[in-house]
Amino acid sequence: MELDNVHHEMFCHFVARGNAPHIAYMAIGNPYNKSTANMLASREIIANRIKELEPMYDQLFPRRRMYETESDA
């Protein structure tokens, strides 16, 4: 279900696409603040929305998760 707060919804889409929370936080117009971005991403309603969106982006961009895995190694 889409979030009422447009900025939070955009943040969720950016993270679901594979961006780090602090990158998504800046992409929606906020200054760099890694701790605030991580706190936002960990809020239950935000985390649930990200999990809801991830399958859509996995289907649209199937290779994106592979790149994340390779860079983590």
C-alpha atoms as a PDB file:
ATOM      1  CA  MET A   1       0.000   0.000   0.000  1.00  0.00           C
ATOM      2  CA  GLU A   2       1.375   3.369  -1.011  1.00  0.00           C
ATOM      3  CA  LEU A   3       2.442   5.605   1.866  1.00  0.00           C
ATOM      4  CA  ASP A   4       0.647   8.898   2.491  1.00  0.00           C
ATOM      5  CA  ASN A   5       3.936  10.797   2.821  1.00  0.00           C
ATOM      6  CA  VAL A   6       5.247  11.284  -0.725  1.00  0.00           C
ATOM      7  CA  HIS A   7       8.849  11.695   0.437  1.00  0.00           C
ATOM      8  CA  HIS A   8       8.725   8.467   2.417  1.00  0.00           C
ATOM      9  CA  GLU A   9       7.209   6.676  -0.567  1.00  0.00           C
ATOM     10  CA  MET A  10       9.992   7.954  -2.827  1.00  0.00           C
ATOM     11  CA  PHE A  11      12.581   6.916  -0.232  1.00  0.00           C
ATOM     12  CA  CYS A  12      11.143   3.394  -0.217  1.00  0.00           C
ATOM     13  CA  HIS A  13      11.330   3.158  -4.001  1.00  0.00           C
ATOM     14  CA  PHE A  14      14.956   4.295  -4.049  1.00  0.00           C
ATOM     15  CA  VAL A  15      15.932   1.740  -1.388  1.00  0.00           C
ATOM     16  CA  ALA A  16      13.892  -1.028  -3.030  1.00  0.00           C
ATOM     17  CA  ARG A  17      15.780  -0.337  -6.264  1.00  0.00           C
ATOM     18  CA  GLY A  18      18.994  -1.194  -4.453  1.00  0.00           C
ATOM     19  CA  ASN A  19      20.249   2.178  -3.253  1.00  0.00           C
ATOM     20  CA  ALA A  20      21.727   2.536   0.217  1.00  0.00           C
ATOM     21  CA  PRO A  21      19.407   4.361   2.619  1.00  0.00           C
ATOM     22  CA  HIS A  22      21.683   7.416   2.867  1.00  0.00           C
ATOM     23  CA  ILE A  23      21.733   7.721  -0.941  1.00  0.00           C
ATOM     24  CA  ALA A  24      17.937   7.423  -1.059  1.00  0.00           C
ATOM     25  CA  TYR A  25      17.660  10.003   1.721  1.00  0.00           C
ATOM     26  CA  MET A  26      19.686  12.515  -0.300  1.00  0.00           C
ATOM     27  CA  ALA A  27      17.796  11.641  -3.498  1.00  0.00           C
ATOM     28  CA  ILE A  28      14.551  12.838  -1.914  1.00  0.00           C
ATOM     29  CA  GLY A  29      16.117  16.205  -1.157  1.00  0.00           C
ATOM     30  CA  ASN A  30      17.620  15.832   2.303  1.00  0.00           C
ATOM     31  CA  PRO A  31      21.206  16.618   3.307  1.00  0.00           C
ATOM     32  CA  TYR A  32      23.618  13.749   3.906  1.00  0.00           C
ATOM     33  CA  ASN A  33      22.838  12.125   7.239  1.00  0.00           C
ATOM     34  CA  LYS A  34      23.545   8.413   7.349  1.00  0.00           C
ATOM     35  CA  SER A  35      22.153   7.816  10.831  1.00  0.00           C
ATOM     36  CA  THR A  36      18.849   9.569  10.107  1.00  0.00           C
ATOM     37  CA  ALA A  37      18.522   7.690   6.817  1.00  0.00           C
ATOM     38  CA  ASN A  38      19.126   4.357   8.564  1.00  0.00           C
ATOM     39  CA  MET A  39      16.616   5.256  11.267  1.00  0.00           C
ATOM     40  CA  LEU A  40      14.032   6.085   8.610  1.00  0.00           C
ATOM     41  CA  ALA A  41      14.696   2.811   6.788  1.00  0.00           C
ATOM     42  CA  SER A  42      14.267   0.854  10.008  1.00  0.00           C
ATOM     43  CA  ARG A  43      10.846   2.327  10.842  1.00  0.00           C
ATOM     44  CA  GLU A  44       8.331  -0.510  10.607  1.00  0.00           C
ATOM     45  CA  ILE A  45       6.033   1.154   8.061  1.00  0.00           C
ATOM     46  CA  ILE A  46       9.004   2.110   5.852  1.00  0.00           C
ATOM     47  CA  ALA A  47      10.721  -1.296   6.103  1.00  0.00           C
ATOM     48  CA  ASN A  48       7.450  -3.049   5.264  1.00  0.00           C
ATOM     49  CA  ARG A  49       6.901  -0.831   2.222  1.00  0.00           C
ATOM     50  CA  ILE A  50      10.451  -1.503   0.996  1.00  0.00           C
ATOM     51  CA  LYS A  51       9.860  -5.265   1.330  1.00  0.00           C
ATOM     52  CA  GLU A  52       6.600  -4.849  -0.563  1.00  0.00           C
ATOM     53  CA  LEU A  53       8.331  -3.034  -3.448  1.00  0.00           C
ATOM     54  CA  GLU A  54      11.465  -5.186  -3.754  1.00  0.00           C
ATOM     55  CA  PRO A  55       9.850  -8.054  -5.729  1.00  0.00           C
ATOM     56  CA  MET A  56       8.621  -5.572  -8.333  1.00  0.00           C
ATOM     57  CA  TYR A  57      12.133  -4.181  -8.809  1.00  0.00           C
ATOM     58  CA  ASP A  58      13.650  -7.681  -8.748  1.00  0.00           C
ATOM     59  CA  GLN A  59      11.360  -8.561 -11.646  1.00  0.00           C
ATOM     60  CA  LEU A  60      12.019  -5.330 -13.559  1.00  0.00           C
ATOM     61  CA  PHE A  61      15.780  -5.409 -12.983  1.00  0.00           C
ATOM     62  CA  PRO A  62      16.723  -9.042 -12.255  1.00  0.00           C
ATOM     63  CA  ARG A  63      20.467  -8.426 -12.321  1.00  0.00           C
ATOM     64  CA  ARG A  64      20.485  -5.640  -9.720  1.00  0.00           C
ATOM     65  CA  ARG A  65      20.628  -8.046  -6.754  1.00  0.00           C
ATOM     66  CA  MET A  66      23.482  -9.929  -8.382  1.00  0.00           C
ATOM     67  CA  TYR A  67      25.601  -6.771  -8.417  1.00  0.00           C
ATOM     68  CA  GLU A  68      24.884  -6.114  -4.749  1.00  0.00           C
ATOM     69  CA  THR A  69      25.955  -9.656  -3.879  1.00  0.00           C
ATOM     70  CA  GLU A  70      29.156  -9.399  -5.907  1.00  0.00           C
ATOM     71  CA  SER A  71      30.160  -6.118  -4.281  1.00  0.00           C
ATOM     72  CA  ASP A  72      29.519  -7.528  -0.788  1.00  0.00           C
ATOM     73  CA  ALA A  73      31.983 -10.375  -1.349  1.00  0.00           C
END
